[in-house]
Amino acid sequence: MSSSNKFAWTWTIKEEFLDEYVRMHGEPWQEIMEEHSKAGIRNYSIFQNGTQFFYCFECDDVEAAFAYIAGSEACGRWNAITSQMVQGSFDFQEAEPIKPLREVFFLK
C-alpha cells in the first residue's frame, strides 16, 4: 500500500470545555490560520464525535511544521488556552505530544 502525506490523531476534550472548544474552532483567530499555512499544513479538518475529536491534515514535513508551530507566538497563545481543554499531553516539548494514527488505507 502506498502512503499519503496525511497526518491524523485524536484527542478527547474535557466535558466542561466542550462548548468553548467547538466555539473557538468555529471562529479561529486569523493569525492561527496564517501560521498553520506558513508551517506547510494544508487541508486541515477536525471532526467531532461527542468529546472525541479526530484531526487530519496534509503536510510534506510534519516535524518541521510542528517545530514552526511550537515557535509561533500566536500559536503559543492559542495552545495555552486549548491545552487546558484537552485530556492528555499538549506539550510540543515532550517526545510525543500527539500520538499519530497509523494510516492503514489510502485511495489515491
Protein backbone atom coordinates (compact mmCIF):
# COMPACT_ATOMS: atom_id res chain seq x y z
CA MET A 1 0.00 0.00 0.00
CA SER A 2 1.25 3.48 -0.79
CA SER A 3 1.01 6.11 1.90
CA SER A 4 -0.14 9.69 1.76
CA ASN A 5 1.21 12.86 3.27
CA LYS A 6 -1.67 12.97 5.76
CA PHE A 7 -1.22 13.14 9.50
CA ALA A 8 -4.01 12.23 11.91
CA TRP A 9 -4.64 11.84 15.64
CA THR A 10 -7.45 12.00 18.17
CA TRP A 11 -7.89 13.90 21.39
CA THR A 12 -10.61 13.85 23.98
CA ILE A 13 -11.84 17.22 25.19
CA LYS A 14 -12.84 17.65 28.82
CA GLU A 15 -16.63 17.82 29.08
CA GLU A 16 -16.62 21.19 30.86
CA PHE A 17 -14.72 22.80 27.95
CA LEU A 18 -16.58 21.17 25.07
CA ASP A 19 -18.72 24.14 24.02
CA GLU A 20 -15.82 26.59 24.26
CA TYR A 21 -13.51 24.30 22.30
CA VAL A 22 -16.05 23.95 19.48
CA ARG A 23 -16.73 27.70 19.52
CA MET A 24 -13.01 28.55 19.30
CA HIS A 25 -12.55 26.26 16.31
CA GLY A 26 -15.68 27.64 14.65
CA GLU A 27 -14.16 31.13 14.88
CA PRO A 28 -10.37 30.59 14.75
CA TRP A 29 -8.04 33.56 15.00
CA GLN A 30 -6.87 34.68 11.57
CA GLU A 31 -3.25 34.64 12.74
CA ILE A 32 -3.61 30.96 13.72
CA MET A 33 -4.85 30.12 10.25
CA GLU A 34 -1.94 32.02 8.68
CA GLU A 35 0.67 30.38 10.94
CA HIS A 36 -0.58 26.89 10.09
CA SER A 37 -0.39 27.71 6.39
CA LYS A 38 3.14 29.10 6.80
CA ALA A 39 4.08 25.87 8.61
CA GLY A 40 3.09 23.92 5.49
CA ILE A 41 -0.13 22.48 6.87
CA ARG A 42 -3.00 22.22 4.40
CA ASN A 43 -6.40 20.55 4.06
CA TYR A 44 -6.76 20.53 7.84
CA SER A 45 -10.03 19.10 9.17
CA ILE A 46 -11.33 18.38 12.65
CA PHE A 47 -14.27 16.05 13.18
CA GLN A 48 -16.24 15.64 16.40
CA ASN A 49 -17.81 12.56 17.96
CA GLY A 50 -19.07 13.61 21.39
CA THR A 51 -15.98 14.62 23.36
CA GLN A 52 -13.61 12.85 20.98
CA PHE A 53 -12.11 14.86 18.14
CA PHE A 54 -10.37 13.49 15.06
CA TYR A 55 -7.74 15.73 13.44
CA CYS A 56 -6.35 15.23 9.95
CA PHE A 57 -4.17 17.40 7.74
CA GLU A 58 -1.74 17.13 4.87
CA CYS A 59 1.85 18.23 5.21
CA ASP A 60 5.10 17.42 3.43
CA ASP A 61 7.25 17.74 6.58
CA VAL A 62 5.34 17.23 9.82
CA GLU A 63 8.40 17.62 12.06
CA ALA A 64 9.24 20.99 10.50
CA ALA A 65 5.60 22.08 10.71
CA PHE A 66 5.36 21.18 14.40
CA ALA A 67 8.65 22.97 15.08
CA TYR A 68 7.31 26.08 13.35
CA ILE A 69 4.04 25.92 15.32
CA ALA A 70 5.92 25.36 18.60
CA GLY A 71 7.94 28.52 17.94
CA SER A 72 4.96 30.65 16.94
CA GLU A 73 3.92 33.30 19.46
CA ALA A 74 0.33 33.31 18.18
CA CYS A 75 0.06 29.52 18.32
CA GLY A 76 1.58 29.61 21.80
CA ARG A 77 -1.24 31.89 22.99
CA TRP A 78 -3.87 29.67 21.33
CA ASN A 79 -2.33 26.49 22.74
CA ALA A 80 -2.15 27.99 26.23
CA ILE A 81 -5.94 28.21 26.14
CA THR A 82 -6.80 24.98 24.34
CA SER A 83 -4.21 22.80 26.10
CA GLN A 84 -6.23 23.04 29.30
CA MET A 85 -9.25 21.68 27.45
CA VAL A 86 -7.55 18.50 26.22
CA GLN A 87 -7.19 15.30 28.21
CA GLY A 88 -3.55 14.22 27.99
CA SER A 89 -0.45 15.90 26.66
CA PHE A 90 -0.39 19.04 24.57
CA ASP A 91 3.25 19.88 25.19
CA PHE A 92 5.27 20.08 21.96
CA GLN A 93 8.45 19.77 24.05
CA GLU A 94 7.51 16.20 25.02
CA ALA A 95 8.71 13.32 22.87
CA GLU A 96 5.18 12.54 21.71
CA PRO A 97 2.75 15.41 22.38
CA ILE A 98 0.45 13.97 19.74
CA LYS A 99 0.22 10.24 19.18
CA PRO A 100 -0.19 9.88 15.40
CA LEU A 101 -2.61 7.35 13.99
CA ARG A 102 -1.25 4.75 11.62
CA GLU A 103 -2.62 5.07 8.11
CA VAL A 104 -3.94 1.67 7.03
CA PHE A 105 -5.68 2.66 3.79
CA PHE A 106 -5.16 5.36 1.17
CA LEU A 107 -7.12 5.73 -2.07
CA LYS A 108 -5.25 7.97 -4.47
